[in-house]
Amino acid sequence: MSASREQDNATSSQQFWYPILNKLIPFMVLICMLALVVSGARFLKPTTDKGSNVPTIVLSPEASPGAAKTLPADQLFEFASSVIGQTGLKTLAELATSLEQEAPAKVIIVGHTDALGSTSFNSKLSQARADAVREQLLKSKKIRPQSVFAIGVADHYPIIKAAQCPGKAEAELIQCLAPNRRVEIWTKPDAIAQ
């Protein structure tokens, strides 16, 4: 009889704790992720051609001014697209020439989106945009593929917070959040560490 009572107590305990833990664990994971974002640390994993020997890159928020060249996404892409337009091709050709002359040891391409759309969509879009810029820059035969990394960070590092654009209609909101849609090109050694 006591074995049956212990089993009933265990089942009762599981029925009590399971729903609580089922909701608490995802919440705790979210809190941990937010803590990393709020701390200002940028722990990013770049992609490479083969996916081998991929370094972990830390982009320093205290990096010197000019450590990153910022390209507004609206100059490179149509809204919600990763296809580079004619203006973007010209901009990237000029950037490739500059990088050929500068010959940095590493080039980190970071794609950013605004907060419009789902997290999944923004993650894929930011990575696709960074990859598109990388591929276009590598058309310059003087830039080494193994030194160029593409990273998508979605909307995790906004310049303009959505709260700064209250009560705007969709077209106005898209315009207000435009600075968040960008591609950064990092080349300075004091901004990049393995």
N, C-alpha and C. Protein backbone atom coordinates (compact mmCIF):
# COMPACT_ATOMS: atom_id res chain seq x y z
N MET A 1 0.82 -1.19 0.00
CA MET A 1 0.00 0.00 0.00
C MET A 1 0.87 1.26 0.00
N SER A 2 1.99 1.25 0.76
CA SER A 2 2.84 2.44 0.83
C SER A 2 3.55 2.70 -0.51
N ALA A 3 3.86 1.65 -1.27
CA ALA A 3 4.48 1.83 -2.59
C ALA A 3 3.49 2.54 -3.52
N SER A 4 2.23 2.18 -3.42
CA SER A 4 1.20 2.81 -4.26
C SER A 4 1.03 4.28 -3.87
N ARG A 5 1.09 4.54 -2.54
CA ARG A 5 0.96 5.92 -2.06
C ARG A 5 2.15 6.77 -2.53
N GLU A 6 3.37 6.21 -2.48
CA GLU A 6 4.56 6.93 -2.94
C GLU A 6 4.45 7.23 -4.43
N GLN A 7 3.95 6.25 -5.20
CA GLN A 7 3.78 6.45 -6.63
C GLN A 7 2.74 7.54 -6.90
N ASP A 8 1.64 7.54 -6.13
CA ASP A 8 0.62 8.58 -6.26
C ASP A 8 1.19 9.96 -5.93
N ASN A 9 2.02 10.02 -4.85
CA ASN A 9 2.65 11.28 -4.47
C ASN A 9 3.61 11.77 -5.56
N ALA A 10 4.38 10.83 -6.15
CA ALA A 10 5.31 11.19 -7.22
C ALA A 10 4.55 11.70 -8.44
N THR A 11 3.47 11.02 -8.79
CA THR A 11 2.65 11.43 -9.93
C THR A 11 2.02 12.78 -9.64
N SER A 12 1.51 12.96 -8.42
CA SER A 12 0.91 14.23 -8.04
C SER A 12 1.94 15.36 -8.09
N SER A 13 3.14 15.08 -7.62
CA SER A 13 4.22 16.06 -7.64
C SER A 13 4.59 16.42 -9.07
N GLN A 14 4.67 15.40 -9.94
CA GLN A 14 4.99 15.66 -11.35
C GLN A 14 3.90 16.52 -12.00
N GLN A 15 2.65 16.20 -11.69
CA GLN A 15 1.55 16.96 -12.27
C GLN A 15 1.56 18.40 -11.79
N PHE A 16 2.05 18.61 -10.58
CA PHE A 16 2.13 19.96 -10.05
C PHE A 16 3.30 20.74 -10.66
N TRP A 17 4.51 20.13 -10.69
CA TRP A 17 5.72 20.83 -11.11
C TRP A 17 5.90 20.92 -12.62
N TYR A 18 5.43 19.93 -13.35
CA TYR A 18 5.67 19.91 -14.80
C TYR A 18 5.15 21.17 -15.50
N PRO A 19 3.92 21.60 -15.30
CA PRO A 19 3.46 22.82 -15.98
C PRO A 19 4.26 24.06 -15.58
N ILE A 20 4.65 24.12 -14.32
CA ILE A 20 5.43 25.27 -13.85
C ILE A 20 6.80 25.30 -14.52
N LEU A 21 7.49 24.16 -14.50
CA LEU A 21 8.81 24.08 -15.12
C LEU A 21 8.73 24.26 -16.63
N ASN A 22 7.67 23.75 -17.22
CA ASN A 22 7.48 23.87 -18.66
C ASN A 22 7.42 25.34 -19.08
N LYS A 23 6.88 26.20 -18.23
CA LYS A 23 6.82 27.63 -18.53
C LYS A 23 8.05 28.38 -18.01
N LEU A 24 8.63 27.91 -16.93
CA LEU A 24 9.74 28.60 -16.30
C LEU A 24 11.04 28.45 -17.09
N ILE A 25 11.32 27.28 -17.62
CA ILE A 25 12.60 27.05 -18.31
C ILE A 25 12.75 27.94 -19.54
N PRO A 26 11.77 28.01 -20.45
CA PRO A 26 11.95 28.93 -21.58
C PRO A 26 12.10 30.38 -21.13
N PHE A 27 11.40 30.77 -20.06
CA PHE A 27 11.53 32.11 -19.54
C PHE A 27 12.95 32.37 -19.04
N MET A 28 13.54 31.41 -18.35
CA MET A 28 14.90 31.55 -17.83
C MET A 28 15.91 31.64 -18.99
N VAL A 29 15.71 30.86 -20.03
CA VAL A 29 16.58 30.92 -21.20
C VAL A 29 16.49 32.31 -21.83
N LEU A 30 15.29 32.84 -21.95
CA LEU A 30 15.09 34.17 -22.50
C LEU A 30 15.79 35.23 -21.65
N ILE A 31 15.68 35.12 -20.33
CA ILE A 31 16.34 36.06 -19.42
C ILE A 31 17.85 36.01 -19.62
N CYS A 32 18.43 34.82 -19.75
CA CYS A 32 19.88 34.69 -19.97
C CYS A 32 20.28 35.33 -21.29
N MET A 33 19.50 35.11 -22.34
CA MET A 33 19.81 35.69 -23.65
C MET A 33 19.73 37.21 -23.59
N LEU A 34 18.71 37.74 -22.93
CA LEU A 34 18.57 39.18 -22.79
C LEU A 34 19.72 39.78 -22.00
N ALA A 35 20.18 39.06 -20.97
CA ALA A 35 21.30 39.54 -20.17
C ALA A 35 22.55 39.70 -21.04
N LEU A 36 22.77 38.76 -21.96
CA LEU A 36 23.92 38.88 -22.85
C LEU A 36 23.78 40.08 -23.78
N VAL A 37 22.60 40.30 -24.31
CA VAL A 37 22.38 41.42 -25.22
C VAL A 37 22.53 42.74 -24.48
N VAL A 38 21.90 42.84 -23.31
CA VAL A 38 21.94 44.08 -22.54
C VAL A 38 23.34 44.41 -22.05
N SER A 39 24.15 43.39 -21.80
CA SER A 39 25.50 43.62 -21.29
C SER A 39 26.38 44.34 -22.31
N GLY A 40 25.93 44.38 -23.57
CA GLY A 40 26.72 45.07 -24.58
C GLY A 40 27.75 44.19 -25.24
N ALA A 41 27.89 42.97 -24.79
CA ALA A 41 28.86 42.07 -25.41
C ALA A 41 28.33 41.61 -26.75
N ARG A 42 29.21 41.54 -27.72
CA ARG A 42 28.82 41.09 -29.05
C ARG A 42 29.58 39.80 -29.35
N PHE A 43 29.04 38.70 -28.92
CA PHE A 43 29.66 37.42 -29.21
C PHE A 43 29.05 36.90 -30.49
N LEU A 44 29.84 36.87 -31.55
CA LEU A 44 29.32 36.55 -32.86
C LEU A 44 30.12 35.43 -33.48
N LYS A 45 29.47 34.53 -34.18
CA LYS A 45 30.15 33.48 -34.90
C LYS A 45 30.01 33.72 -36.39
N PRO A 46 31.12 33.99 -37.06
CA PRO A 46 31.05 34.23 -38.49
C PRO A 46 30.93 32.93 -39.27
N THR A 47 30.56 33.06 -40.54
CA THR A 47 30.53 31.91 -41.42
C THR A 47 31.76 31.95 -42.32
N THR A 48 32.17 30.80 -42.80
CA THR A 48 33.27 30.73 -43.76
C THR A 48 32.84 29.84 -44.90
N ASP A 49 33.67 29.79 -45.95
CA ASP A 49 33.35 28.96 -47.11
C ASP A 49 33.15 27.50 -46.73
N LYS A 50 34.07 26.95 -45.97
CA LYS A 50 34.02 25.53 -45.62
C LYS A 50 33.45 25.27 -44.23
N GLY A 51 33.31 26.32 -43.42
CA GLY A 51 32.81 26.15 -42.07
C GLY A 51 33.87 25.60 -41.12
N SER A 52 35.14 25.52 -41.57
CA SER A 52 36.19 24.98 -40.72
C SER A 52 37.00 26.11 -40.11
N ASN A 53 37.56 25.84 -38.95
CA ASN A 53 38.40 26.82 -38.25
C ASN A 53 37.71 28.18 -38.13
N VAL A 54 36.47 28.15 -37.72
CA VAL A 54 35.71 29.40 -37.60
C VAL A 54 36.04 30.04 -36.26
N PRO A 55 36.66 31.24 -36.28
CA PRO A 55 36.97 31.89 -35.02
C PRO A 55 35.73 32.52 -34.40
N THR A 56 35.74 32.67 -33.09
CA THR A 56 34.71 33.44 -32.42
C THR A 56 35.18 34.87 -32.43
N ILE A 57 34.33 35.76 -32.87
CA ILE A 57 34.70 37.16 -33.02
C ILE A 57 33.99 37.98 -31.96
N VAL A 58 34.71 38.87 -31.33
CA VAL A 58 34.12 39.82 -30.40
C VAL A 58 34.34 41.20 -30.99
N LEU A 59 33.25 41.90 -31.25
CA LEU A 59 33.35 43.27 -31.73
C LEU A 59 33.19 44.19 -30.53
N SER A 60 34.21 44.94 -30.24
CA SER A 60 34.24 45.77 -29.05
C SER A 60 33.32 46.98 -29.19
N PRO A 61 32.38 47.16 -28.23
CA PRO A 61 31.54 48.36 -28.28
C PRO A 61 32.34 49.63 -28.04
N GLU A 62 33.51 49.52 -27.43
CA GLU A 62 34.35 50.68 -27.16
C GLU A 62 35.36 50.90 -28.28
N ALA A 63 35.19 50.24 -29.42
CA ALA A 63 36.13 50.37 -30.52
C ALA A 63 36.27 51.82 -30.94
N SER A 64 37.44 52.12 -31.48
CA SER A 64 37.70 53.49 -31.88
C SER A 64 36.73 53.95 -32.95
N PRO A 65 36.46 55.25 -33.01
CA PRO A 65 35.57 55.77 -34.06
C PRO A 65 36.13 55.39 -35.43
N GLY A 66 35.26 55.04 -36.32
CA GLY A 66 35.71 54.66 -37.65
C GLY A 66 36.12 53.20 -37.75
N ALA A 67 35.95 52.45 -36.65
CA ALA A 67 36.32 51.04 -36.67
C ALA A 67 35.43 50.27 -37.63
N ALA A 68 34.21 50.74 -37.85
CA ALA A 68 33.30 50.09 -38.78
C ALA A 68 32.80 51.11 -39.80
N LYS A 69 32.74 50.68 -41.03
CA LYS A 69 32.11 51.49 -42.08
C LYS A 69 30.67 51.02 -42.17
N THR A 70 29.73 51.94 -42.06
CA THR A 70 28.32 51.59 -42.07
C THR A 70 27.71 51.91 -43.44
N LEU A 71 27.08 50.90 -44.02
CA LEU A 71 26.38 51.05 -45.29
C LEU A 71 24.89 50.90 -45.02
N PRO A 72 24.09 51.95 -45.24
CA PRO A 72 22.65 51.82 -45.04
C PRO A 72 22.09 50.74 -45.97
N ALA A 73 21.30 49.84 -45.42
CA ALA A 73 20.73 48.75 -46.22
C ALA A 73 19.87 49.28 -47.35
N ASP A 74 19.23 50.43 -47.14
CA ASP A 74 18.37 51.00 -48.18
C ASP A 74 19.17 51.39 -49.43
N GLN A 75 20.49 51.62 -49.29
CA GLN A 75 21.34 51.91 -50.44
C GLN A 75 21.78 50.64 -51.16
N LEU A 76 21.69 49.50 -50.46
CA LEU A 76 22.16 48.25 -51.04
C LEU A 76 21.02 47.37 -51.53
N PHE A 77 19.93 47.32 -50.77
CA PHE A 77 18.86 46.35 -50.99
C PHE A 77 17.48 47.03 -51.03
N GLU A 78 16.53 46.34 -51.64
CA GLU A 78 15.13 46.72 -51.51
C GLU A 78 14.69 46.33 -50.10
N PHE A 79 13.59 46.89 -49.63
CA PHE A 79 13.08 46.57 -48.30
C PHE A 79 12.78 45.07 -48.20
N ALA A 80 13.22 44.43 -47.13
CA ALA A 80 12.98 43.01 -46.84
C ALA A 80 13.59 42.07 -47.89
N SER A 81 14.65 42.50 -48.56
CA SER A 81 15.29 41.69 -49.60
C SER A 81 16.79 41.62 -49.34
N SER A 82 17.42 40.58 -49.87
CA SER A 82 18.88 40.46 -49.78
C SER A 82 19.51 40.51 -51.17
N VAL A 83 18.74 40.92 -52.17
CA VAL A 83 19.26 41.07 -53.53
C VAL A 83 19.85 42.47 -53.66
N ILE A 84 21.12 42.54 -54.03
CA ILE A 84 21.80 43.83 -54.14
C ILE A 84 21.36 44.55 -55.41
N GLY A 85 20.96 45.81 -55.26
CA GLY A 85 20.52 46.63 -56.39
C GLY A 85 21.70 47.28 -57.10
N GLN A 86 21.41 48.00 -58.19
CA GLN A 86 22.45 48.65 -58.99
C GLN A 86 23.27 49.65 -58.18
N THR A 87 22.60 50.47 -57.38
CA THR A 87 23.31 51.43 -56.54
C THR A 87 24.22 50.70 -55.55
N GLY A 88 23.71 49.62 -55.00
CA GLY A 88 24.49 48.81 -54.06
C GLY A 88 25.72 48.20 -54.72
N LEU A 89 25.58 47.75 -55.95
CA LEU A 89 26.72 47.16 -56.67
C LEU A 89 27.83 48.20 -56.85
N LYS A 90 27.44 49.43 -57.17
CA LYS A 90 28.44 50.50 -57.33
C LYS A 90 29.12 50.81 -56.00
N THR A 91 28.32 50.89 -54.94
CA THR A 91 28.86 51.17 -53.61
C THR A 91 29.85 50.08 -53.19
N LEU A 92 29.49 48.82 -53.42
CA LEU A 92 30.35 47.71 -53.03
C LEU A 92 31.60 47.61 -53.91
N ALA A 93 31.51 48.02 -55.17
CA ALA A 93 32.70 48.06 -56.03
C ALA A 93 33.71 49.07 -55.49
N GLU A 94 33.20 50.23 -55.05
CA GLU A 94 34.07 51.25 -54.45
C GLU A 94 34.67 50.74 -53.15
N LEU A 95 33.86 50.05 -52.34
CA LEU A 95 34.36 49.49 -51.09
C LEU A 95 35.42 48.43 -51.35
N ALA A 96 35.21 47.58 -52.34
CA ALA A 96 36.19 46.54 -52.67
C ALA A 96 37.53 47.17 -53.06
N THR A 97 37.49 48.23 -53.84
CA THR A 97 38.72 48.93 -54.24
C THR A 97 39.43 49.48 -53.00
N SER A 98 38.66 50.06 -52.09
CA SER A 98 39.23 50.59 -50.85
C SER A 98 39.86 49.48 -50.01
N LEU A 99 39.15 48.34 -49.91
CA LEU A 99 39.68 47.21 -49.13
C LEU A 99 40.93 46.60 -49.78
N GLU A 100 40.97 46.59 -51.10
CA GLU A 100 42.17 46.11 -51.80
C GLU A 100 43.38 46.95 -51.43
N GLN A 101 43.19 48.26 -51.37
CA GLN A 101 44.29 49.17 -51.04
C GLN A 101 44.67 49.08 -49.58
N GLU A 102 43.65 48.98 -48.71
CA GLU A 102 43.88 48.90 -47.27
C GLU A 102 44.48 47.56 -46.86
N ALA A 103 44.06 46.48 -47.53
CA ALA A 103 44.50 45.11 -47.27
C ALA A 103 44.43 44.73 -45.78
N PRO A 104 43.26 44.82 -45.16
CA PRO A 104 43.16 44.45 -43.74
C PRO A 104 43.33 42.94 -43.55
N ALA A 105 43.79 42.56 -42.37
CA ALA A 105 43.97 41.14 -42.07
C ALA A 105 42.64 40.41 -42.00
N LYS A 106 41.61 41.11 -41.52
CA LYS A 106 40.27 40.53 -41.40
C LYS A 106 39.25 41.56 -41.83
N VAL A 107 38.17 41.05 -42.42
CA VAL A 107 37.02 41.89 -42.74
C VAL A 107 35.81 41.16 -42.18
N ILE A 108 35.11 41.82 -41.27
CA ILE A 108 33.91 41.25 -40.67
C ILE A 108 32.72 42.04 -41.22
N ILE A 109 31.80 41.35 -41.88
CA ILE A 109 30.61 41.98 -42.43
C ILE A 109 29.45 41.61 -41.53
N VAL A 110 28.82 42.62 -40.94
CA VAL A 110 27.74 42.39 -39.98
C VAL A 110 26.44 42.95 -40.55
N GLY A 111 25.46 42.06 -40.78
CA GLY A 111 24.16 42.47 -41.28
C GLY A 111 23.19 42.74 -40.14
N HIS A 112 22.49 43.86 -40.21
CA HIS A 112 21.51 44.27 -39.20
C HIS A 112 20.15 44.47 -39.86
N THR A 113 19.08 44.23 -39.12
CA THR A 113 17.73 44.53 -39.58
C THR A 113 17.05 45.43 -38.56
N ASP A 114 15.84 45.87 -38.90
CA ASP A 114 15.03 46.56 -37.90
C ASP A 114 14.20 45.51 -37.16
N ALA A 115 13.35 45.93 -36.25
CA ALA A 115 12.56 45.00 -35.44
C ALA A 115 11.25 44.60 -36.11
N LEU A 116 10.97 45.12 -37.29
CA LEU A 116 9.75 44.74 -38.00
C LEU A 116 9.90 43.31 -38.52
N GLY A 117 8.87 42.51 -38.42
CA GLY A 117 8.97 41.12 -38.86
C GLY A 117 9.35 40.21 -37.71
N SER A 118 9.29 38.92 -37.97
CA SER A 118 9.58 37.94 -36.91
C SER A 118 11.08 37.84 -36.67
N THR A 119 11.44 37.32 -35.52
CA THR A 119 12.84 37.12 -35.17
C THR A 119 13.50 36.18 -36.17
N SER A 120 12.80 35.12 -36.54
CA SER A 120 13.33 34.15 -37.49
C SER A 120 13.60 34.81 -38.84
N PHE A 121 12.63 35.58 -39.33
CA PHE A 121 12.80 36.26 -40.62
C PHE A 121 13.98 37.23 -40.56
N ASN A 122 14.06 38.03 -39.49
CA ASN A 122 15.13 39.01 -39.37
C ASN A 122 16.50 38.35 -39.25
N SER A 123 16.58 37.23 -38.55
CA SER A 123 17.85 36.50 -38.45
C SER A 123 18.31 36.03 -39.82
N LYS A 124 17.38 35.43 -40.56
CA LYS A 124 17.72 34.94 -41.91
C LYS A 124 18.06 36.09 -42.85
N LEU A 125 17.30 37.17 -42.78
CA LEU A 125 17.53 38.31 -43.67
C LEU A 125 18.88 38.96 -43.37
N SER A 126 19.20 39.17 -42.10
CA SER A 126 20.47 39.82 -41.77
C SER A 126 21.65 38.96 -42.22
N GLN A 127 21.54 37.64 -42.06
CA GLN A 127 22.62 36.75 -42.51
C GLN A 127 22.70 36.74 -44.04
N ALA A 128 21.55 36.69 -44.71
CA ALA A 128 21.54 36.69 -46.18
C ALA A 128 22.15 37.97 -46.73
N ARG A 129 21.86 39.09 -46.10
CA ARG A 129 22.43 40.36 -46.56
C ARG A 129 23.94 40.40 -46.34
N ALA A 130 24.40 39.95 -45.17
CA ALA A 130 25.85 39.90 -44.91
C ALA A 130 26.53 38.97 -45.91
N ASP A 131 25.91 37.82 -46.18
CA ASP A 131 26.48 36.87 -47.15
C ASP A 131 26.53 37.48 -48.55
N ALA A 132 25.47 38.20 -48.94
CA ALA A 132 25.42 38.82 -50.27
C ALA A 132 26.53 39.86 -50.43
N VAL A 133 26.76 40.65 -49.39
CA VAL A 133 27.83 41.64 -49.43
C VAL A 133 29.18 40.94 -49.50
N ARG A 134 29.34 39.89 -48.72
CA ARG A 134 30.60 39.13 -48.75
C ARG A 134 30.88 38.59 -50.14
N GLU A 135 29.88 37.95 -50.73
CA GLU A 135 30.04 37.37 -52.06
C GLU A 135 30.40 38.45 -53.09
N GLN A 136 29.76 39.60 -52.98
CA GLN A 136 30.04 40.68 -53.93
C GLN A 136 31.47 41.20 -53.74
N LEU A 137 31.92 41.36 -52.50
CA LEU A 137 33.28 41.84 -52.26
C LEU A 137 34.32 40.83 -52.74
N LEU A 138 33.99 39.55 -52.63
CA LEU A 138 34.95 38.51 -53.05
C LEU A 138 35.08 38.41 -54.57
N LYS A 139 34.21 39.09 -55.30
CA LYS A 139 34.38 39.12 -56.76
C LYS A 139 35.64 39.87 -57.13
N SER A 140 36.13 40.69 -56.18
CA SER A 140 37.44 41.30 -56.34
C SER A 140 38.46 40.22 -56.03
N LYS A 141 39.24 39.85 -56.97
CA LYS A 141 40.18 38.72 -56.80
C LYS A 141 41.32 39.05 -55.83
N LYS A 142 41.44 40.30 -55.42
CA LYS A 142 42.53 40.69 -54.52
C LYS A 142 42.16 40.56 -53.05
N ILE A 143 40.90 40.25 -52.75
CA ILE A 143 40.47 40.09 -51.36
C ILE A 143 40.44 38.59 -51.06
N ARG A 144 41.15 38.19 -50.02
CA ARG A 144 41.26 36.76 -49.66
C ARG A 144 39.98 36.27 -48.99
N PRO A 145 39.35 35.22 -49.53
CA PRO A 145 38.10 34.71 -48.94
C PRO A 145 38.24 34.27 -47.49
N GLN A 146 39.40 33.71 -47.13
CA GLN A 146 39.57 33.20 -45.76
C GLN A 146 39.68 34.32 -44.73
N SER A 147 39.78 35.57 -45.17
CA SER A 147 39.86 36.68 -44.22
C SER A 147 38.56 37.48 -44.12
N VAL A 148 37.53 37.04 -44.85
CA VAL A 148 36.27 37.79 -44.88
C VAL A 148 35.16 36.93 -44.27
N PHE A 149 34.51 37.45 -43.24
CA PHE A 149 33.48 36.73 -42.51
C PHE A 149 32.16 37.49 -42.58
N ALA A 150 31.06 36.76 -42.67
CA ALA A 150 29.72 37.37 -42.72
C ALA A 150 28.91 36.91 -41.52
N ILE A 151 28.30 37.87 -40.85
CA ILE A 151 27.54 37.58 -39.63
C ILE A 151 26.21 38.33 -39.69
N GLY A 152 25.13 37.66 -39.40
CA GLY A 152 23.83 38.31 -39.29
C GLY A 152 23.41 38.39 -37.83
N VAL A 153 23.05 39.59 -37.38
CA VAL A 153 22.68 39.77 -35.98
C VAL A 153 21.23 40.25 -35.81
N ALA A 154 20.45 40.16 -36.88
CA ALA A 154 19.03 40.54 -36.85
C ALA A 154 18.88 41.96 -36.31
N ASP A 155 18.00 42.15 -35.33
CA ASP A 155 17.72 43.48 -34.80
C ASP A 155 18.29 43.66 -33.39
N HIS A 156 19.32 42.90 -33.05
CA HIS A 156 19.85 42.91 -31.68
C HIS A 156 20.65 44.16 -31.31
N TYR A 157 21.10 44.94 -32.29
CA TYR A 157 21.90 46.13 -31.99
C TYR A 157 21.30 47.35 -32.71
N PRO A 158 20.12 47.77 -32.27
CA PRO A 158 19.45 48.88 -32.97
C PRO A 158 20.12 50.23 -32.68
N ILE A 159 20.03 51.10 -33.64
CA ILE A 159 20.44 52.49 -33.45
C ILE A 159 19.24 53.28 -32.94
N ILE A 160 18.08 52.98 -33.51
CA ILE A 160 16.81 53.60 -33.12
C ILE A 160 15.92 52.52 -32.50
N LYS A 161 15.45 52.74 -31.29
CA LYS A 161 14.53 51.81 -30.64
C LYS A 161 13.12 52.05 -31.19
N ALA A 162 12.34 50.98 -31.29
CA ALA A 162 10.97 51.09 -31.80
C ALA A 162 10.15 52.07 -30.95
N ALA A 163 10.47 52.17 -29.66
CA ALA A 163 9.76 53.09 -28.78
C ALA A 163 10.01 54.56 -29.16
N GLN A 164 11.07 54.81 -29.93
CA GLN A 164 11.36 56.17 -30.38
C GLN A 164 10.50 56.55 -31.59
N CYS A 165 9.72 55.61 -32.09
CA CYS A 165 8.86 55.85 -33.26
C CYS A 165 7.41 55.56 -32.90
N PRO A 166 6.88 56.15 -31.82
CA PRO A 166 5.52 55.79 -31.39
C PRO A 166 4.45 56.33 -32.32
N GLY A 167 3.38 55.56 -32.44
CA GLY A 167 2.19 56.00 -33.14
C GLY A 167 2.36 56.27 -34.62
N LYS A 168 3.38 55.72 -35.22
CA LYS A 168 3.63 55.98 -36.64
C LYS A 168 2.87 54.96 -37.48
N ALA A 169 2.41 55.40 -38.63
CA ALA A 169 1.81 54.47 -39.61
C ALA A 169 2.94 53.60 -40.15
N GLU A 170 2.59 52.50 -40.81
CA GLU A 170 3.59 51.53 -41.24
C GLU A 170 4.70 52.17 -42.09
N ALA A 171 4.35 52.97 -43.08
CA ALA A 171 5.36 53.60 -43.94
C ALA A 171 6.26 54.53 -43.13
N GLU A 172 5.69 55.28 -42.19
CA GLU A 172 6.48 56.17 -41.34
C GLU A 172 7.38 55.38 -40.40
N LEU A 173 6.87 54.26 -39.88
CA LEU A 173 7.66 53.41 -38.99
C LEU A 173 8.84 52.80 -39.74
N ILE A 174 8.61 52.34 -40.96
CA ILE A 174 9.69 51.80 -41.78
C ILE A 174 10.76 52.86 -41.99
N GLN A 175 10.35 54.08 -42.28
CA GLN A 175 11.30 55.18 -42.48
C GLN A 175 12.02 55.52 -41.18
N CYS A 176 11.30 55.56 -40.07
CA CYS A 176 11.88 55.90 -38.77
C CYS A 176 12.95 54.89 -38.35
N LEU A 177 12.71 53.61 -38.64
CA LEU A 177 13.65 52.55 -38.25
C LEU A 177 14.74 52.29 -39.29
N ALA A 178 14.78 53.07 -40.36
CA ALA A 178 15.76 52.86 -41.43
C ALA A 178 17.21 52.79 -40.95
N PRO A 179 17.65 53.60 -39.97
CA PRO A 179 19.05 53.51 -39.54
C PRO A 179 19.43 52.12 -38.99
N ASN A 180 18.45 51.36 -38.50
CA ASN A 180 18.75 50.02 -37.98
C ASN A 180 19.08 49.03 -39.09
N ARG A 181 18.54 49.27 -40.28
CA ARG A 181 18.78 48.38 -41.42
C ARG A 181 20.10 48.80 -42.06
N ARG A 182 21.14 48.06 -41.78
CA ARG A 182 22.47 48.46 -42.23
C ARG A 182 23.39 47.25 -42.33
N VAL A 183 24.49 47.46 -43.00
CA VAL A 183 25.57 46.48 -43.05
C VAL A 183 26.82 47.20 -42.58
N GLU A 184 27.48 46.63 -41.59
CA GLU A 184 28.73 47.21 -41.08
C GLU A 184 29.90 46.40 -41.59
N ILE A 185 30.96 47.10 -41.96
CA ILE A 185 32.20 46.47 -42.40
C ILE A 185 33.26 46.81 -41.37
N TRP A 186 33.71 45.81 -40.61
CA TRP A 186 34.71 46.01 -39.55
C TRP A 186 36.07 45.56 -40.06
N THR A 187 37.06 46.45 -39.93
CA THR A 187 38.41 46.12 -40.39
C THR A 187 39.51 46.49 -39.39
N LYS A 188 39.20 47.31 -38.42
CA LYS A 188 40.23 47.82 -37.51
C LYS A 188 40.63 46.76 -36.49
N PRO A 189 41.92 46.56 -36.27
CA PRO A 189 42.38 45.53 -35.33
C PRO A 189 41.92 45.73 -33.90
N ASP A 190 41.73 47.00 -33.46
CA ASP A 190 41.31 47.23 -32.07
C ASP A 190 39.83 46.92 -31.85
N ALA A 191 39.10 46.66 -32.94
CA ALA A 191 37.68 46.34 -32.82
C ALA A 191 37.42 44.86 -32.93
N ILE A 192 38.43 44.10 -33.35
CA ILE A 192 38.23 42.68 -33.62
C ILE A 192 39.22 41.87 -32.81
N ALA A 193 38.71 40.86 -32.12
CA ALA A 193 39.59 39.95 -31.36
C ALA A 193 39.08 38.54 -31.54
N GLN A 194 39.98 37.59 -31.50
CA GLN A 194 39.55 36.19 -31.61
C GLN A 194 39.30 35.63 -30.24
